[in-house]
Amino acid sequence: MLQTILTLHAIAGFFAFVVAPLAMITRKGGDWHRRWGKAYFYAMAVVVVTAIIAGVMRPNWLMTLVAVFSFQLVASGYRALYLKRLHEGQRPSGWDKLTMGAGILVNGGLFMWGLIHLMLGHRTSGSIIFLVFGAIGLLFVWRDYSRFYRSSHDKREWLYAHMTGFLGGYIATVSAFSAVNLNMIKPMWLQWLWPTVLGAPLIALWVGYYRKRFAAGGRSRDLFDLRIALKRRPGHRAR
């Protein structure tokens, strides 16, 4: 049974690893971008479920917690698509609050575990990995909390949250792929963290590129295929 679960985990992980770039290269908001994005999201859901089951059956907390960490980023990016009107008073759903709560527990645990072990002099690869991933996860949780509850909003912040969430989750996917397959990279913490070192600045540059386009007068509909459901006025008939 364990071998079956691990096989399913590997298949879903490889599928997510391959399909995410297809969503990146297609027109943002287009039909194929949405299809590949949903395929990636559901593949990551399979990855995290199988990781949790396998992690309990054959204790491997690094595998389990990193899977939960990566899915929390992807789930945050996915939910951003349904929260496009925060600037108009839209409130987060119970699912969003549950995701934030799980993110606080998991990422807080990762961060504290790594920090305490490093402070005790246990400078192992696991301590470094947990500390870095926990810090990143907590930053994403804080980003979501501030988006949900601050008084002023950028009407395009859902776009930036979607981009950073999915791309951050994909970096975690590449990290897991590297840890399993690129054993020639030493030490072990570098196997896990080189995608973050390379990918985080690229995400910042990509988001910054769109911010500059918008600041220069660019419109969202000129850059993406947007589909935002409009609120229907009382007594208004749909056409």
Protein backbone atom coordinates (compact mmCIF):
# COMPACT_ATOMS: atom_id res chain seq x y z
CA MET A 1 0.00 0.00 0.00
CA LEU A 2 2.82 2.38 0.88
CA GLN A 3 4.54 1.67 -2.42
CA THR A 4 1.30 2.42 -4.31
CA ILE A 5 0.91 5.73 -2.49
CA LEU A 6 4.54 6.69 -3.16
CA THR A 7 4.12 5.80 -6.84
CA LEU A 8 0.99 7.96 -7.07
CA HIS A 9 2.86 10.75 -5.27
CA ALA A 10 5.75 10.55 -7.75
CA ILE A 11 3.44 10.51 -10.79
CA ALA A 12 1.44 13.51 -9.55
CA GLY A 13 4.63 15.37 -8.65
CA PHE A 14 6.18 14.76 -12.05
CA PHE A 15 2.94 15.79 -13.78
CA ALA A 16 2.89 19.04 -11.76
CA PHE A 17 6.57 19.60 -12.56
CA VAL A 18 5.89 19.30 -16.32
CA VAL A 19 2.48 20.97 -16.63
CA ALA A 20 3.18 24.22 -14.75
CA PRO A 21 5.50 25.64 -17.46
CA LEU A 22 2.71 25.05 -20.00
CA ALA A 23 0.49 27.39 -17.99
CA MET A 24 3.33 29.93 -17.82
CA ILE A 25 3.92 30.12 -21.57
CA THR A 26 0.27 30.35 -22.68
CA ARG A 27 -1.64 33.64 -22.74
CA LYS A 28 -2.55 34.60 -19.18
CA GLY A 29 -6.25 34.18 -18.54
CA GLY A 30 -6.80 32.24 -21.77
CA ASP A 31 -8.52 28.86 -21.93
CA TRP A 32 -5.31 26.83 -22.06
CA HIS A 33 -3.73 28.85 -19.28
CA ARG A 34 -6.72 28.03 -17.11
CA ARG A 35 -6.71 24.35 -18.07
CA TRP A 36 -3.03 23.85 -17.37
CA GLY A 37 -3.29 25.89 -14.18
CA LYS A 38 -6.16 23.77 -12.86
CA ALA A 39 -4.31 20.60 -13.83
CA TYR A 40 -1.31 21.81 -11.85
CA PHE A 41 -3.47 22.72 -8.85
CA TYR A 42 -5.18 19.32 -8.69
CA ALA A 43 -1.89 17.50 -9.25
CA MET A 44 -0.46 19.37 -6.26
CA ALA A 45 -3.54 18.40 -4.23
CA VAL A 46 -2.74 14.75 -4.96
CA VAL A 47 0.90 15.38 -4.04
CA VAL A 48 0.06 16.82 -0.63
CA VAL A 49 -2.54 14.14 0.24
CA THR A 50 -0.22 11.28 -0.70
CA ALA A 51 2.69 12.99 1.10
CA ILE A 52 0.67 13.24 4.32
CA ILE A 53 -0.41 9.58 4.13
CA ALA A 54 3.08 8.34 3.27
CA GLY A 55 4.63 10.59 5.91
CA VAL A 56 2.44 9.00 8.58
CA MET A 57 2.92 5.40 7.38
CA ARG A 58 6.69 5.75 7.07
CA PRO A 59 7.58 8.74 9.25
CA ASN A 60 9.14 11.35 6.98
CA TRP A 61 8.17 14.75 8.34
CA LEU A 62 10.39 16.66 5.91
CA MET A 63 8.50 15.20 2.95
CA THR A 64 5.13 15.85 4.54
CA LEU A 65 5.71 19.39 5.78
CA VAL A 66 7.37 20.58 2.57
CA ALA A 67 4.42 19.18 0.58
CA VAL A 68 1.97 21.04 2.82
CA PHE A 69 4.12 24.17 2.56
CA SER A 70 4.13 24.06 -1.25
CA PHE A 71 0.39 23.36 -1.50
CA GLN A 72 -0.38 26.28 0.79
CA LEU A 73 1.39 28.58 -1.67
CA VAL A 74 -0.48 27.08 -4.62
CA ALA A 75 -3.83 27.22 -2.79
CA SER A 76 -3.21 30.87 -1.95
CA GLY A 77 -2.51 31.64 -5.60
CA TYR A 78 -5.57 29.68 -6.73
CA ARG A 79 -7.91 31.38 -4.27
CA ALA A 80 -6.65 34.80 -5.39
CA LEU A 81 -8.62 34.25 -8.61
CA TYR A 82 -11.83 34.23 -6.56
CA LEU A 83 -10.90 37.33 -4.56
CA LYS A 84 -10.64 39.93 -7.29
CA ARG A 85 -12.91 42.44 -5.55
CA LEU A 86 -11.22 42.93 -2.20
CA HIS A 87 -10.85 46.59 -3.15
CA GLU A 88 -14.67 46.76 -3.28
CA GLY A 89 -15.22 45.21 0.14
CA GLN A 90 -15.19 41.50 -0.73
CA ARG A 91 -14.39 39.34 2.31
CA PRO A 92 -12.38 36.11 2.46
CA SER A 93 -14.30 32.86 2.73
CA GLY A 94 -14.01 30.19 5.39
CA TRP A 95 -11.71 28.25 3.05
CA ASP A 96 -9.33 31.22 2.88
CA LYS A 97 -9.25 31.51 6.66
CA LEU A 98 -8.69 27.76 7.00
CA THR A 99 -5.78 27.93 4.55
CA MET A 100 -4.26 30.82 6.49
CA GLY A 101 -4.65 28.98 9.78
CA ALA A 102 -3.02 25.85 8.39
CA GLY A 103 -0.25 28.00 6.94
CA ILE A 104 0.43 29.58 10.33
CA LEU A 105 0.64 26.19 12.06
CA VAL A 106 2.78 24.44 9.46
CA ASN A 107 5.09 27.31 8.55
CA GLY A 108 5.36 28.48 12.14
CA GLY A 109 6.34 24.96 13.11
CA LEU A 110 8.90 24.73 10.31
CA PHE A 111 10.41 28.09 11.22
CA MET A 112 10.61 27.44 14.97
CA TRP A 113 12.00 23.94 14.50
CA GLY A 114 14.76 25.22 12.25
CA LEU A 115 15.51 28.28 14.38
CA ILE A 116 15.69 26.40 17.68
CA HIS A 117 17.93 23.68 16.26
CA LEU A 118 20.28 26.24 14.74
CA MET A 119 20.42 28.15 18.02
CA LEU A 120 21.29 24.88 19.79
CA GLY A 121 24.20 24.41 17.39
CA HIS A 122 22.58 21.71 15.24
CA ARG A 123 23.59 23.20 11.89
CA THR A 124 22.13 20.40 9.81
CA SER A 125 20.63 20.65 6.34
CA GLY A 126 17.19 19.92 7.78
CA SER A 127 17.43 22.87 10.15
CA ILE A 128 18.38 25.26 7.33
CA ILE A 129 15.66 23.95 5.00
CA PHE A 130 12.96 24.19 7.66
CA LEU A 131 14.02 27.70 8.67
CA VAL A 132 14.01 29.05 5.10
CA PHE A 133 10.78 27.38 4.00
CA GLY A 134 9.04 28.33 7.24
CA ALA A 135 10.07 31.97 6.85
CA ILE A 136 8.85 32.05 3.25
CA GLY A 137 5.56 30.43 4.17
CA LEU A 138 4.96 32.88 7.02
CA LEU A 139 5.63 35.80 4.66
CA PHE A 140 2.95 34.46 2.33
CA VAL A 141 0.51 34.07 5.22
CA TRP A 142 1.19 37.66 6.32
CA ARG A 143 0.75 38.83 2.74
CA ASP A 144 -2.68 37.17 2.57
CA TYR A 145 -3.72 38.48 5.98
CA SER A 146 -2.81 42.03 5.02
CA ARG A 147 -4.66 41.68 1.72
CA PHE A 148 -7.81 40.49 3.47
CA TYR A 149 -7.98 42.97 6.32
CA ARG A 150 -6.26 46.22 5.44
CA SER A 151 -8.41 49.25 4.66
CA SER A 152 -6.93 50.21 1.28
CA HIS A 153 -6.25 47.92 -1.66
CA ASP A 154 -4.59 47.84 -5.02
CA LYS A 155 -7.28 46.51 -7.35
CA ARG A 156 -4.70 44.32 -9.07
CA GLU A 157 -3.27 42.73 -5.94
CA TRP A 158 -5.19 39.53 -6.73
CA LEU A 159 -3.04 39.22 -9.86
CA TYR A 160 0.21 39.57 -7.95
CA ALA A 161 -1.02 37.10 -5.31
CA HIS A 162 -1.97 34.61 -8.02
CA MET A 163 1.40 34.90 -9.74
CA THR A 164 3.53 34.68 -6.60
CA GLY A 165 1.45 31.85 -5.11
CA PHE A 166 1.59 29.58 -8.14
CA LEU A 167 5.19 30.41 -8.99
CA GLY A 168 6.25 30.00 -5.37
CA GLY A 169 4.53 26.62 -5.26
CA TYR A 170 6.30 25.61 -8.46
CA ILE A 171 9.66 26.55 -6.95
CA ALA A 172 8.84 24.17 -4.10
CA THR A 173 7.95 21.49 -6.68
CA VAL A 174 11.31 21.99 -8.41
CA SER A 175 12.99 21.83 -4.99
CA ALA A 176 11.46 18.42 -4.27
CA PHE A 177 12.41 17.20 -7.77
CA SER A 178 15.99 18.40 -7.18
CA ALA A 179 16.20 16.73 -3.77
CA VAL A 180 15.12 13.38 -5.23
CA ASN A 181 17.03 13.41 -8.51
CA LEU A 182 20.02 15.77 -8.26
CA ASN A 183 22.07 13.99 -5.64
CA MET A 184 25.28 15.32 -7.17
CA ILE A 185 24.54 18.74 -5.61
CA LYS A 186 26.16 19.09 -2.20
CA PRO A 187 25.39 19.86 0.58
CA MET A 188 21.84 18.56 0.92
CA TRP A 189 20.36 21.95 1.88
CA LEU A 190 21.57 23.32 -1.46
CA GLN A 191 19.68 20.57 -3.29
CA TRP A 192 16.51 21.97 -1.73
CA LEU A 193 17.21 25.69 -1.78
CA TRP A 194 18.92 26.49 -5.11
CA PRO A 195 15.50 26.82 -6.86
CA THR A 196 14.50 29.40 -4.24
CA VAL A 197 17.76 31.33 -4.63
CA LEU A 198 17.25 31.51 -8.41
CA GLY A 199 13.46 31.65 -8.56
CA ALA A 200 12.59 34.24 -5.91
CA PRO A 201 14.41 37.13 -7.69
CA LEU A 202 12.82 36.09 -11.01
CA ILE A 203 9.34 36.22 -9.46
CA ALA A 204 10.09 39.67 -8.04
CA LEU A 205 11.27 40.87 -11.45
CA TRP A 206 8.20 39.45 -13.20
CA VAL A 207 5.78 41.06 -10.76
CA GLY A 208 7.76 44.29 -10.97
CA TYR A 209 7.47 44.19 -14.76
CA TYR A 210 3.67 44.15 -14.58
CA ARG A 211 3.60 46.82 -11.90
CA LYS A 212 5.59 49.09 -14.20
CA ARG A 213 3.29 48.33 -17.13
CA PHE A 214 0.26 49.28 -15.06
CA ALA A 215 1.98 52.38 -13.66
CA ALA A 216 2.68 53.46 -17.23
CA GLY A 217 -1.03 53.30 -18.04
CA GLY A 218 -1.38 49.70 -19.14
CA ARG A 219 -4.75 48.05 -18.64
CA SER A 220 -5.32 44.53 -17.34
CA ARG A 221 -7.54 43.61 -20.26
CA ASP A 222 -4.78 44.58 -22.69
CA LEU A 223 -2.39 42.11 -21.06
CA PHE A 224 -4.66 39.27 -19.97
CA ASP A 225 -7.95 37.58 -20.78
CA LEU A 226 -9.88 38.60 -17.68
CA ARG A 227 -13.18 37.17 -16.55
CA ILE A 228 -14.49 38.93 -13.46
CA ALA A 229 -18.07 38.23 -12.55
CA LEU A 230 -20.03 41.46 -12.11
CA LYS A 231 -22.53 41.93 -9.33
CA ARG A 232 -26.06 42.01 -10.67
CA ARG A 233 -28.12 44.97 -9.60
CA PRO A 234 -31.50 44.35 -7.97
CA GLY A 235 -34.19 44.06 -10.64
CA HIS A 236 -31.60 43.85 -13.43
CA ARG A 237 -32.23 41.08 -15.93
CA ALA A 238 -29.33 39.11 -17.30
CA ARG A 239 -28.83 39.42 -21.03
